[in-house]
Amino acid sequence: MKMLDHKKGNAAGVQSFILTIVGVGVILAVGLVILVNLGAGLDADSAAANATTAIVTQLATVPTWIGILITVAMAFIVLGYFYTRQ
């Protein structure tokens, strides 16, 4: 019975991790859409348009880091499963 409870705990941890990553991805996507639309309504050579373009360019690199984060976290979850297995 103890082993079954441990597997449920591990599955709950994976589920919460996946939901967190999906939430961050959705928030990032919505933020990028808003920034792009905001930048489209500004004058082309204004400081605000340049700043918005710079922010969008910098935030565009975040999905790469999310992929790396998912890979590392899943490796730790798998290692944790085998490490605590009896």
C-alpha atoms as a PDB file:
ATOM      1  CA  MET A   1       0.000   0.000   0.000  1.00  0.00           C
ATOM      2  CA  LYS A   2       2.907   2.329   0.742  1.00  0.00           C
ATOM      3  CA  MET A   3       4.292   1.902  -2.778  1.00  0.00           C
ATOM      4  CA  LEU A   4       0.907   2.754  -4.310  1.00  0.00           C
ATOM      5  CA  ASP A   5       0.723   5.978  -2.278  1.00  0.00           C
ATOM      6  CA  HIS A   6       4.239   6.885  -3.399  1.00  0.00           C
ATOM      7  CA  LYS A   7       3.301   6.454  -7.077  1.00  0.00           C
ATOM      8  CA  LYS A   8       0.257   8.689  -6.600  1.00  0.00           C
ATOM      9  CA  GLY A   9       2.464  11.373  -5.055  1.00  0.00           C
ATOM     10  CA  ASN A  10       4.917  11.194  -7.939  1.00  0.00           C
ATOM     11  CA  ALA A  11       2.108  11.431 -10.514  1.00  0.00           C
ATOM     12  CA  ALA A  12       0.625  14.432  -8.717  1.00  0.00           C
ATOM     13  CA  GLY A  13       4.014  16.140  -8.820  1.00  0.00           C
ATOM     14  CA  VAL A  14       4.315  15.556 -12.552  1.00  0.00           C
ATOM     15  CA  GLN A  15       0.793  16.849 -13.134  1.00  0.00           C
ATOM     16  CA  SER A  16       1.382  20.047 -11.178  1.00  0.00           C
ATOM     17  CA  PHE A  17       4.683  20.614 -12.992  1.00  0.00           C
ATOM     18  CA  ILE A  18       3.034  20.206 -16.395  1.00  0.00           C
ATOM     19  CA  LEU A  19       0.193  22.556 -15.461  1.00  0.00           C
ATOM     20  CA  THR A  20       2.696  25.155 -14.269  1.00  0.00           C
ATOM     21  CA  ILE A  21       4.673  24.998 -17.521  1.00  0.00           C
ATOM     22  CA  VAL A  22       1.483  25.218 -19.597  1.00  0.00           C
ATOM     23  CA  GLY A  23       0.341  28.227 -17.540  1.00  0.00           C
ATOM     24  CA  VAL A  24       3.669  30.006 -18.033  1.00  0.00           C
ATOM     25  CA  GLY A  25       3.520  29.274 -21.767  1.00  0.00           C
ATOM     26  CA  VAL A  26       0.004  30.668 -22.099  1.00  0.00           C
ATOM     27  CA  ILE A  27       0.877  33.817 -20.146  1.00  0.00           C
ATOM     28  CA  LEU A  28       4.009  34.307 -22.260  1.00  0.00           C
ATOM     29  CA  ALA A  29       2.073  33.846 -25.517  1.00  0.00           C
ATOM     30  CA  VAL A  30      -0.644  36.300 -24.495  1.00  0.00           C
ATOM     31  CA  GLY A  31       1.978  38.822 -23.365  1.00  0.00           C
ATOM     32  CA  LEU A  32       3.844  38.580 -26.663  1.00  0.00           C
ATOM     33  CA  VAL A  33       0.626  39.031 -28.664  1.00  0.00           C
ATOM     34  CA  ILE A  34      -0.261  42.120 -26.626  1.00  0.00           C
ATOM     35  CA  LEU A  35       3.234  43.600 -27.043  1.00  0.00           C
ATOM     36  CA  VAL A  36       3.271  42.983 -30.792  1.00  0.00           C
ATOM     37  CA  ASN A  37      -0.140  44.619 -31.183  1.00  0.00           C
ATOM     38  CA  LEU A  38       0.948  47.525 -29.013  1.00  0.00           C
ATOM     39  CA  GLY A  39       4.096  48.008 -31.085  1.00  0.00           C
ATOM     40  CA  ALA A  40       2.118  47.937 -34.323  1.00  0.00           C
ATOM     41  CA  GLY A  41       0.059  50.939 -33.197  1.00  0.00           C
ATOM     42  CA  LEU A  42       3.082  53.137 -32.422  1.00  0.00           C
ATOM     43  CA  ASP A  43       5.099  55.385 -34.720  1.00  0.00           C
ATOM     44  CA  ALA A  44       7.875  53.453 -36.437  1.00  0.00           C
ATOM     45  CA  ASP A  45      10.830  55.481 -35.163  1.00  0.00           C
ATOM     46  CA  SER A  46       9.562  56.420 -31.708  1.00  0.00           C
ATOM     47  CA  ALA A  47      11.330  55.405 -28.517  1.00  0.00           C
ATOM     48  CA  ALA A  48       8.263  53.447 -27.392  1.00  0.00           C
ATOM     49  CA  ALA A  49       8.197  51.422 -30.626  1.00  0.00           C
ATOM     50  CA  ASN A  50      11.916  50.679 -30.333  1.00  0.00           C
ATOM     51  CA  ALA A  51      11.519  49.624 -26.686  1.00  0.00           C
ATOM     52  CA  THR A  52       8.554  47.386 -27.512  1.00  0.00           C
ATOM     53  CA  THR A  53      10.486  45.722 -30.335  1.00  0.00           C
ATOM     54  CA  ALA A  54      13.460  45.150 -28.021  1.00  0.00           C
ATOM     55  CA  ILE A  55      11.241  43.552 -25.360  1.00  0.00           C
ATOM     56  CA  VAL A  56       9.527  41.280 -27.891  1.00  0.00           C
ATOM     57  CA  THR A  57      12.928  40.206 -29.235  1.00  0.00           C
ATOM     58  CA  GLN A  58      14.215  39.392 -25.757  1.00  0.00           C
ATOM     59  CA  LEU A  59      11.051  37.539 -24.714  1.00  0.00           C
ATOM     60  CA  ALA A  60      11.151  35.472 -27.907  1.00  0.00           C
ATOM     61  CA  THR A  61      14.115  33.526 -26.469  1.00  0.00           C
ATOM     62  CA  VAL A  62      12.114  32.324 -23.434  1.00  0.00           C
ATOM     63  CA  PRO A  63      10.451  29.325 -25.189  1.00  0.00           C
ATOM     64  CA  THR A  64      13.915  27.833 -25.705  1.00  0.00           C
ATOM     65  CA  TRP A  65      14.545  28.008 -21.970  1.00  0.00           C
ATOM     66  CA  ILE A  66      11.126  26.485 -21.228  1.00  0.00           C
ATOM     67  CA  GLY A  67      12.070  23.465 -23.347  1.00  0.00           C
ATOM     68  CA  ILE A  68      15.354  23.066 -21.495  1.00  0.00           C
ATOM     69  CA  LEU A  69      13.561  23.469 -18.158  1.00  0.00           C
ATOM     70  CA  ILE A  70      11.059  20.749 -19.080  1.00  0.00           C
ATOM     71  CA  THR A  71      13.849  18.359 -20.080  1.00  0.00           C
ATOM     72  CA  VAL A  72      15.827  18.908 -16.861  1.00  0.00           C
ATOM     73  CA  ALA A  73      12.748  18.706 -14.631  1.00  0.00           C
ATOM     74  CA  MET A  74      11.549  15.483 -16.251  1.00  0.00           C
ATOM     75  CA  ALA A  75      15.026  13.991 -15.780  1.00  0.00           C
ATOM     76  CA  PHE A  76      14.881  14.875 -12.066  1.00  0.00           C
ATOM     77  CA  ILE A  77      11.384  13.376 -11.772  1.00  0.00           C
ATOM     78  CA  VAL A  78      12.519  10.120 -13.372  1.00  0.00           C
ATOM     79  CA  LEU A  79      15.664   9.997 -11.234  1.00  0.00           C
ATOM     80  CA  GLY A  80      13.599  10.751  -8.130  1.00  0.00           C
ATOM     81  CA  TYR A  81      11.237   7.913  -8.966  1.00  0.00           C
ATOM     82  CA  PHE A  82      14.048   5.399  -9.233  1.00  0.00           C
ATOM     83  CA  TYR A  83      15.943   6.816  -6.260  1.00  0.00           C
ATOM     84  CA  THR A  84      12.991   6.509  -3.867  1.00  0.00           C
ATOM     85  CA  ARG A  85      11.821   3.187  -5.282  1.00  0.00           C
ATOM     86  CA  GLN A  86      12.137   0.269  -2.888  1.00  0.00           C
END
